[in-house]
Amino acid sequence: MALISDILLFAGALGAGFYCLILARRLRKFNDLESGVGGAVAHLAAQVDDMTRILAEAQSAARDSSASLEGLTTRAEGVSQRLELMLASLHDLPDLPEEKPRRQSPKTASAGH
């Protein structure tokens, strides 16, 4: 009986060793930096770094644009106020008399044809 249990124990140990060998090979392929998940993780990490850099550049450009737009808005408000003052001053001017259309003399009317 001890012999049978030793044989079964040995067979179980060989099966477990074979299983560990196959599992180790699959894990090595899984973590391969070229084609496995390790490569995918490395690629994604590089993309995240690129996107972080691009986002920082976009935020900087947005800040610059915002400052420029704020300056232009302030300038436009000043021009608007000056235009309002000019229009208000035009209301104070007296109306000009309307000019009556001139009649053309017969000589100047035929000379134009």
N, C-alpha and C. Protein backbone atom coordinates (compact mmCIF):
# COMPACT_ATOMS: atom_id res chain seq x y z
N MET A 1 0.81 -1.18 0.00
CA MET A 1 0.00 0.00 0.00
C MET A 1 0.87 1.25 0.00
N ALA A 2 1.98 1.22 0.70
CA ALA A 2 2.89 2.36 0.76
C ALA A 2 3.49 2.61 -0.61
N LEU A 3 3.73 1.52 -1.37
CA LEU A 3 4.28 1.67 -2.71
C LEU A 3 3.30 2.38 -3.63
N ILE A 4 2.04 2.03 -3.55
CA ILE A 4 1.01 2.65 -4.39
C ILE A 4 0.87 4.13 -4.02
N SER A 5 0.90 4.45 -2.76
CA SER A 5 0.76 5.86 -2.36
C SER A 5 1.98 6.65 -2.78
N ASP A 6 3.19 6.02 -2.76
CA ASP A 6 4.39 6.70 -3.22
C ASP A 6 4.33 6.96 -4.72
N ILE A 7 3.83 5.99 -5.49
CA ILE A 7 3.71 6.15 -6.95
C ILE A 7 2.70 7.27 -7.25
N LEU A 8 1.58 7.26 -6.57
CA LEU A 8 0.58 8.31 -6.79
C LEU A 8 1.12 9.69 -6.39
N LEU A 9 1.88 9.76 -5.32
CA LEU A 9 2.48 11.01 -4.88
C LEU A 9 3.50 11.51 -5.89
N PHE A 10 4.29 10.60 -6.44
CA PHE A 10 5.28 10.93 -7.45
C PHE A 10 4.59 11.42 -8.72
N ALA A 11 3.51 10.74 -9.13
CA ALA A 11 2.77 11.13 -10.33
C ALA A 11 2.14 12.50 -10.12
N GLY A 12 1.63 12.75 -8.96
CA GLY A 12 1.05 14.07 -8.66
C GLY A 12 2.10 15.16 -8.69
N ALA A 13 3.29 14.85 -8.16
CA ALA A 13 4.38 15.83 -8.17
C ALA A 13 4.83 16.12 -9.59
N LEU A 14 4.93 15.06 -10.44
CA LEU A 14 5.29 15.27 -11.85
C LEU A 14 4.22 16.10 -12.57
N GLY A 15 2.95 15.82 -12.32
CA GLY A 15 1.86 16.59 -12.94
C GLY A 15 1.89 18.05 -12.52
N ALA A 16 2.15 18.30 -11.23
CA ALA A 16 2.21 19.67 -10.74
C ALA A 16 3.42 20.40 -11.34
N GLY A 17 4.54 19.71 -11.46
CA GLY A 17 5.74 20.31 -12.07
C GLY A 17 5.50 20.65 -13.54
N PHE A 18 4.87 19.73 -14.27
CA PHE A 18 4.55 19.96 -15.68
C PHE A 18 3.60 21.16 -15.82
N TYR A 19 2.59 21.22 -14.94
CA TYR A 19 1.64 22.32 -14.95
C TYR A 19 2.36 23.64 -14.67
N CYS A 20 3.28 23.67 -13.71
CA CYS A 20 4.03 24.89 -13.39
C CYS A 20 4.90 25.32 -14.56
N LEU A 21 5.51 24.35 -15.28
CA LEU A 21 6.33 24.66 -16.44
C LEU A 21 5.50 25.33 -17.53
N ILE A 22 4.34 24.78 -17.84
CA ILE A 22 3.46 25.36 -18.86
C ILE A 22 2.99 26.75 -18.41
N LEU A 23 2.63 26.86 -17.16
CA LEU A 23 2.17 28.14 -16.63
C LEU A 23 3.27 29.20 -16.69
N ALA A 24 4.51 28.82 -16.41
CA ALA A 24 5.64 29.75 -16.46
C ALA A 24 5.87 30.23 -17.89
N ARG A 25 5.77 29.33 -18.88
CA ARG A 25 5.93 29.74 -20.28
C ARG A 25 4.84 30.73 -20.70
N ARG A 26 3.60 30.42 -20.31
CA ARG A 26 2.50 31.32 -20.67
C ARG A 26 2.67 32.69 -19.99
N LEU A 27 3.12 32.68 -18.76
CA LEU A 27 3.32 33.94 -18.04
C LEU A 27 4.44 34.75 -18.66
N ARG A 28 5.49 34.09 -19.13
CA ARG A 28 6.59 34.77 -19.80
C ARG A 28 6.09 35.44 -21.09
N LYS A 29 5.27 34.72 -21.87
CA LYS A 29 4.70 35.31 -23.09
C LYS A 29 3.75 36.45 -22.75
N PHE A 30 3.02 36.29 -21.67
CA PHE A 30 2.05 37.30 -21.25
C PHE A 30 2.76 38.61 -20.88
N ASN A 31 3.90 38.51 -20.23
CA ASN A 31 4.63 39.69 -19.77
C ASN A 31 5.69 40.16 -20.76
N ASP A 32 5.77 39.57 -21.92
CA ASP A 32 6.75 39.95 -22.93
C ASP A 32 6.57 41.42 -23.29
N LEU A 33 7.67 42.16 -23.31
CA LEU A 33 7.59 43.60 -23.57
C LEU A 33 7.29 43.92 -25.03
N GLU A 34 7.48 43.01 -25.93
CA GLU A 34 7.24 43.28 -27.34
C GLU A 34 5.79 43.03 -27.73
N SER A 35 5.26 41.85 -27.37
CA SER A 35 3.94 41.48 -27.89
C SER A 35 2.91 41.19 -26.81
N GLY A 36 3.33 41.09 -25.58
CA GLY A 36 2.39 40.72 -24.53
C GLY A 36 1.76 41.93 -23.86
N VAL A 37 1.19 41.67 -22.70
CA VAL A 37 0.54 42.72 -21.94
C VAL A 37 1.56 43.74 -21.46
N GLY A 38 2.76 43.30 -21.17
CA GLY A 38 3.82 44.23 -20.75
C GLY A 38 4.07 45.28 -21.82
N GLY A 39 4.09 44.84 -23.07
CA GLY A 39 4.26 45.79 -24.17
C GLY A 39 3.08 46.74 -24.29
N ALA A 40 1.89 46.21 -24.11
CA ALA A 40 0.69 47.05 -24.17
C ALA A 40 0.70 48.08 -23.05
N VAL A 41 1.10 47.65 -21.86
CA VAL A 41 1.16 48.59 -20.73
C VAL A 41 2.22 49.66 -20.98
N ALA A 42 3.37 49.26 -21.50
CA ALA A 42 4.43 50.23 -21.80
C ALA A 42 3.96 51.22 -22.87
N HIS A 43 3.26 50.73 -23.89
CA HIS A 43 2.75 51.58 -24.95
C HIS A 43 1.71 52.56 -24.40
N LEU A 44 0.81 52.07 -23.56
CA LEU A 44 -0.21 52.93 -22.97
C LEU A 44 0.42 53.97 -22.05
N ALA A 45 1.45 53.60 -21.32
CA ALA A 45 2.13 54.56 -20.45
C ALA A 45 2.77 55.68 -21.27
N ALA A 46 3.36 55.31 -22.42
CA ALA A 46 3.94 56.34 -23.30
C ALA A 46 2.85 57.26 -23.85
N GLN A 47 1.71 56.70 -24.21
CA GLN A 47 0.60 57.51 -24.70
C GLN A 47 0.07 58.45 -23.62
N VAL A 48 0.01 57.97 -22.39
CA VAL A 48 -0.45 58.82 -21.29
C VAL A 48 0.52 59.98 -21.09
N ASP A 49 1.82 59.72 -21.17
CA ASP A 49 2.81 60.79 -21.04
C ASP A 49 2.64 61.82 -22.16
N ASP A 50 2.43 61.35 -23.40
CA ASP A 50 2.22 62.26 -24.52
C ASP A 50 0.96 63.10 -24.33
N MET A 51 -0.11 62.44 -23.90
CA MET A 51 -1.37 63.17 -23.71
C MET A 51 -1.25 64.18 -22.58
N THR A 52 -0.51 63.86 -21.54
CA THR A 52 -0.30 64.81 -20.44
C THR A 52 0.46 66.03 -20.93
N ARG A 53 1.48 65.81 -21.75
CA ARG A 53 2.26 66.91 -22.30
C ARG A 53 1.40 67.78 -23.22
N ILE A 54 0.61 67.13 -24.08
CA ILE A 54 -0.26 67.87 -25.00
C ILE A 54 -1.31 68.66 -24.23
N LEU A 55 -1.85 68.08 -23.17
CA LEU A 55 -2.84 68.77 -22.35
C LEU A 55 -2.23 70.00 -21.69
N ALA A 56 -1.01 69.89 -21.21
CA ALA A 56 -0.34 71.04 -20.60
C ALA A 56 -0.12 72.14 -21.62
N GLU A 57 0.26 71.78 -22.85
CA GLU A 57 0.44 72.77 -23.91
C GLU A 57 -0.89 73.43 -24.27
N ALA A 58 -1.96 72.64 -24.32
CA ALA A 58 -3.27 73.20 -24.64
C ALA A 58 -3.74 74.15 -23.54
N GLN A 59 -3.49 73.81 -22.29
CA GLN A 59 -3.86 74.70 -21.19
C GLN A 59 -3.08 76.00 -21.26
N SER A 60 -1.81 75.92 -21.60
CA SER A 60 -0.99 77.12 -21.73
C SER A 60 -1.51 78.00 -22.87
N ALA A 61 -1.84 77.39 -24.00
CA ALA A 61 -2.37 78.15 -25.13
C ALA A 61 -3.72 78.77 -24.78
N ALA A 62 -4.54 78.06 -24.03
CA ALA A 62 -5.85 78.60 -23.61
C ALA A 62 -5.66 79.79 -22.68
N ARG A 63 -4.68 79.71 -21.78
CA ARG A 63 -4.42 80.84 -20.89
C ARG A 63 -3.97 82.06 -21.68
N ASP A 64 -3.07 81.84 -22.65
CA ASP A 64 -2.60 82.95 -23.49
C ASP A 64 -3.75 83.56 -24.28
N SER A 65 -4.59 82.71 -24.86
CA SER A 65 -5.73 83.20 -25.63
C SER A 65 -6.70 83.96 -24.75
N SER A 66 -6.91 83.48 -23.55
CA SER A 66 -7.81 84.14 -22.62
C SER A 66 -7.29 85.53 -22.27
N ALA A 67 -6.01 85.64 -22.01
CA ALA A 67 -5.42 86.94 -21.68
C ALA A 67 -5.54 87.89 -22.87
N SER A 68 -5.27 87.39 -24.07
CA SER A 68 -5.38 88.21 -25.27
C SER A 68 -6.82 88.65 -25.49
N LEU A 69 -7.74 87.74 -25.31
CA LEU A 69 -9.16 88.06 -25.49
C LEU A 69 -9.62 89.08 -24.46
N GLU A 70 -9.13 88.97 -23.25
CA GLU A 70 -9.50 89.93 -22.21
C GLU A 70 -9.01 91.33 -22.58
N GLY A 71 -7.79 91.42 -23.09
CA GLY A 71 -7.26 92.72 -23.52
C GLY A 71 -8.07 93.30 -24.68
N LEU A 72 -8.41 92.46 -25.63
CA LEU A 72 -9.21 92.93 -26.76
C LEU A 72 -10.60 93.37 -26.33
N THR A 73 -11.18 92.65 -25.39
CA THR A 73 -12.51 93.02 -24.88
C THR A 73 -12.46 94.37 -24.18
N THR A 74 -11.45 94.59 -23.37
CA THR A 74 -11.29 95.87 -22.69
C THR A 74 -11.13 97.00 -23.70
N ARG A 75 -10.33 96.75 -24.71
CA ARG A 75 -10.12 97.76 -25.76
C ARG A 75 -11.43 98.04 -26.52
N ALA A 76 -12.19 96.99 -26.81
CA ALA A 76 -13.46 97.15 -27.53
C ALA A 76 -14.47 97.93 -26.68
N GLU A 77 -14.47 97.71 -25.38
CA GLU A 77 -15.36 98.46 -24.50
C GLU A 77 -15.01 99.95 -24.51
N GLY A 78 -13.73 100.26 -24.52
CA GLY A 78 -13.30 101.66 -24.59
C GLY A 78 -13.73 102.32 -25.89
N VAL A 79 -13.55 101.60 -26.99
CA VAL A 79 -13.97 102.12 -28.30
C VAL A 79 -15.47 102.30 -28.34
N SER A 80 -16.20 101.38 -27.75
CA SER A 80 -17.66 101.48 -27.71
C SER A 80 -18.10 102.72 -26.94
N GLN A 81 -17.45 103.00 -25.84
CA GLN A 81 -17.79 104.19 -25.06
C GLN A 81 -17.51 105.46 -25.85
N ARG A 82 -16.40 105.49 -26.57
CA ARG A 82 -16.08 106.67 -27.39
C ARG A 82 -17.10 106.84 -28.50
N LEU A 83 -17.52 105.74 -29.12
CA LEU A 83 -18.54 105.82 -30.18
C LEU A 83 -19.86 106.33 -29.62
N GLU A 84 -20.22 105.89 -28.43
CA GLU A 84 -21.45 106.37 -27.81
C GLU A 84 -21.38 107.87 -27.56
N LEU A 85 -20.22 108.36 -27.10
CA LEU A 85 -20.05 109.80 -26.89
C LEU A 85 -20.15 110.56 -28.20
N MET A 86 -19.56 110.02 -29.25
CA MET A 86 -19.63 110.67 -30.56
C MET A 86 -21.05 110.73 -31.07
N LEU A 87 -21.78 109.64 -30.91
CA LEU A 87 -23.19 109.63 -31.34
C LEU A 87 -24.01 110.61 -30.52
N ALA A 88 -23.74 110.70 -29.24
CA ALA A 88 -24.47 111.64 -28.39
C ALA A 88 -24.16 113.08 -28.80
N SER A 89 -22.92 113.34 -29.18
CA SER A 89 -22.58 114.69 -29.60
C SER A 89 -23.20 115.02 -30.96
N LEU A 90 -23.46 114.05 -31.79
CA LEU A 90 -24.11 114.31 -33.08
C LEU A 90 -25.56 114.74 -32.88
N HIS A 91 -26.19 114.31 -31.81
CA HIS A 91 -27.57 114.71 -31.55
C HIS A 91 -27.65 116.19 -31.19
N ASP A 92 -26.56 116.76 -30.70
CA ASP A 92 -26.55 118.17 -30.32
C ASP A 92 -26.40 119.10 -31.52
N LEU A 93 -25.95 118.60 -32.66
CA LEU A 93 -25.76 119.45 -33.85
C LEU A 93 -27.10 119.82 -34.45
N PRO A 94 -27.20 121.04 -34.98
CA PRO A 94 -28.47 121.42 -35.62
C PRO A 94 -28.63 120.67 -36.93
N ASP A 95 -29.88 120.45 -37.31
CA ASP A 95 -30.15 119.78 -38.58
C ASP A 95 -29.81 120.71 -39.72
N LEU A 96 -29.25 120.18 -40.78
CA LEU A 96 -28.93 120.96 -41.97
C LEU A 96 -30.19 121.09 -42.81
N PRO A 97 -30.36 122.26 -43.45
CA PRO A 97 -31.53 122.38 -44.34
C PRO A 97 -31.37 121.44 -45.52
N GLU A 98 -32.48 120.91 -45.96
CA GLU A 98 -32.43 119.98 -47.08
C GLU A 98 -32.14 120.73 -48.37
N GLU A 99 -31.30 120.16 -49.16
CA GLU A 99 -31.00 120.78 -50.45
C GLU A 99 -32.05 120.36 -51.45
N LYS A 100 -32.46 121.32 -52.26
CA LYS A 100 -33.43 121.02 -53.30
C LYS A 100 -32.65 120.53 -54.51
N PRO A 101 -33.18 119.50 -55.18
CA PRO A 101 -32.45 119.00 -56.36
C PRO A 101 -32.42 120.07 -57.44
N ARG A 102 -31.28 120.21 -58.06
CA ARG A 102 -31.12 121.20 -59.12
C ARG A 102 -31.74 120.67 -60.40
N ARG A 103 -32.27 121.56 -61.12
CA ARG A 103 -32.80 121.22 -62.44
C ARG A 103 -31.69 121.42 -63.45
N GLN A 104 -31.57 120.49 -64.32
CA GLN A 104 -30.55 120.61 -65.34
C GLN A 104 -31.05 121.51 -66.46
N SER A 105 -30.18 122.29 -66.94
CA SER A 105 -30.57 123.10 -68.09
C SER A 105 -30.59 122.23 -69.32
N PRO A 106 -31.36 122.58 -70.30
CA PRO A 106 -31.45 121.74 -71.52
C PRO A 106 -30.10 121.55 -72.19
N LYS A 107 -29.20 122.50 -72.09
CA LYS A 107 -27.91 122.39 -72.74
C LYS A 107 -27.04 121.33 -72.06
N THR A 108 -27.04 121.30 -70.72
CA THR A 108 -26.22 120.32 -70.01
C THR A 108 -26.83 118.94 -70.08
N ALA A 109 -28.16 118.85 -70.23
CA ALA A 109 -28.80 117.54 -70.32
C ALA A 109 -28.48 116.89 -71.64
N SER A 110 -28.41 117.66 -72.75
CA SER A 110 -28.11 117.05 -74.05
C SER A 110 -26.64 116.80 -74.21
N ALA A 111 -25.80 117.50 -73.46
CA ALA A 111 -24.34 117.31 -73.59
C ALA A 111 -23.92 115.98 -72.98
N GLY A 112 -24.67 115.47 -72.01
CA GLY A 112 -24.34 114.22 -71.35
C GLY A 112 -24.61 113.01 -72.23
N HIS A 113 -25.46 113.13 -73.28
CA HIS A 113 -25.79 111.99 -74.12
C HIS A 113 -24.82 111.79 -75.16
